[in-house]
């Protein structure tokens, strides 16, 4: 069996928690920080670090506001994030030989 090309795998997305964030947001459109933390069984610190990496790559936007007096942090996929995620899924499909 020939070695598969893994060069198309986006390292920013490929981490377990970052992949979970991308999958969740691709379906939910927008999520608040607590919703993501609970859905992915992550700690606040760990989720923050991974969100920052995705934000630095331009894959998500993070909007901070207040709902009444309570802080609200909402996360959305950007268009670049959607394209990168689609490309990641295509590359992963090629790696496992399903296309």
Protein backbone atom coordinates (compact mmCIF):
# COMPACT_ATOMS: atom_id res chain seq x y z
CA UNK A 1 0.00 0.00 0.00
CA UNK A 2 1.38 3.40 -0.97
CA UNK A 3 1.85 6.04 1.70
CA UNK A 4 -1.04 8.50 1.77
CA UNK A 5 -0.42 12.23 1.42
CA UNK A 6 -1.00 13.85 4.79
CA UNK A 7 0.30 17.25 3.68
CA UNK A 8 -3.23 18.60 3.26
CA UNK A 9 -4.14 18.01 6.91
CA UNK A 10 -4.51 21.42 8.56
CA UNK A 11 -2.55 21.29 11.82
CA UNK A 12 -4.58 24.14 13.28
CA UNK A 13 -7.79 22.12 13.00
CA UNK A 14 -6.34 18.66 13.60
CA UNK A 15 -6.09 18.81 17.41
CA UNK A 16 -8.91 16.97 19.21
CA UNK A 17 -10.41 20.00 20.91
CA UNK A 18 -9.99 22.34 17.92
CA UNK A 19 -11.60 19.74 15.67
CA UNK A 20 -14.48 19.48 18.15
CA UNK A 21 -14.92 23.26 18.08
CA UNK A 22 -14.98 23.30 14.28
CA UNK A 23 -17.48 20.43 14.09
CA UNK A 24 -19.73 22.05 16.68
CA UNK A 25 -19.68 25.47 15.04
CA UNK A 26 -20.19 24.07 11.54
CA UNK A 27 -23.51 22.72 12.80
CA UNK A 28 -24.53 25.38 15.34
CA UNK A 29 -23.48 28.54 13.43
CA UNK A 30 -22.84 30.34 16.77
CA UNK A 31 -22.15 29.10 20.27
CA UNK A 32 -21.44 30.79 23.55
CA UNK A 33 -18.32 29.94 25.51
CA UNK A 34 -20.11 27.97 28.25
CA UNK A 35 -22.09 25.98 25.69
CA UNK A 36 -18.87 24.95 23.92
CA UNK A 37 -17.10 24.21 27.19
CA UNK A 38 -19.90 21.90 28.30
CA UNK A 39 -20.40 20.25 24.91
CA UNK A 40 -16.69 19.47 24.53
CA UNK A 41 -16.06 18.64 28.21
CA UNK A 42 -13.22 21.18 28.29
CA UNK A 43 -11.82 23.40 31.00
CA UNK A 44 -12.11 27.16 30.61
CA UNK A 45 -8.37 27.58 30.24
CA UNK A 46 -7.95 24.79 27.71
CA UNK A 47 -10.88 25.98 25.60
CA UNK A 48 -9.57 29.56 25.68
CA UNK A 49 -6.16 28.48 24.40
CA UNK A 50 -7.64 26.49 21.52
CA UNK A 51 -10.11 29.22 20.59
CA UNK A 52 -7.25 31.71 20.46
CA UNK A 53 -5.34 29.45 18.06
CA UNK A 54 -8.39 29.20 15.79
CA UNK A 55 -8.97 32.95 16.04
CA UNK A 56 -5.32 33.70 15.20
CA UNK A 57 -5.70 31.51 12.09
CA UNK A 58 -8.79 33.50 11.08
CA UNK A 59 -11.09 30.47 11.42
CA UNK A 60 -13.36 31.84 14.17
CA UNK A 61 -14.48 35.20 15.45
CA UNK A 62 -14.97 35.80 19.14
CA UNK A 63 -17.40 38.50 20.21
CA UNK A 64 -17.57 39.62 23.83
CA UNK A 65 -20.57 41.49 25.18
CA UNK A 66 -22.87 41.59 28.16
CA UNK A 67 -26.33 40.12 28.62
CA UNK A 68 -27.63 42.31 31.40
CA UNK A 69 -24.67 42.35 33.77
CA UNK A 70 -23.42 38.91 32.77
CA UNK A 71 -20.50 38.58 30.32
CA UNK A 72 -21.34 36.77 27.08
CA UNK A 73 -18.72 35.39 24.72
CA UNK A 74 -19.99 34.14 21.36
CA UNK A 75 -17.95 32.21 18.82
CA UNK A 76 -18.66 31.84 15.10
CA UNK A 77 -16.90 30.24 12.17
CA UNK A 78 -15.62 32.71 9.60
CA UNK A 79 -15.91 32.09 5.85
CA UNK A 80 -12.19 31.21 5.89
CA UNK A 81 -12.90 28.82 8.73
CA UNK A 82 -15.66 27.11 6.77
CA UNK A 83 -13.38 26.76 3.74
CA UNK A 84 -10.52 25.46 5.88
CA UNK A 85 -12.82 22.93 7.57
CA UNK A 86 -14.16 21.72 4.21
CA UNK A 87 -10.56 21.40 2.97
CA UNK A 88 -9.61 19.53 6.13
CA UNK A 89 -12.45 17.06 5.65
CA UNK A 90 -11.49 16.56 1.98
CA UNK A 91 -7.85 15.96 2.92
CA UNK A 92 -8.80 13.52 5.67
CA UNK A 93 -11.03 11.64 3.25
CA UNK A 94 -8.12 11.33 0.81
CA UNK A 95 -5.81 10.12 3.58
CA UNK A 96 -8.14 7.30 4.58
CA UNK A 97 -8.75 6.43 0.92
CA UNK A 98 -12.47 7.01 0.71
CA UNK A 99 -12.53 9.31 -2.31
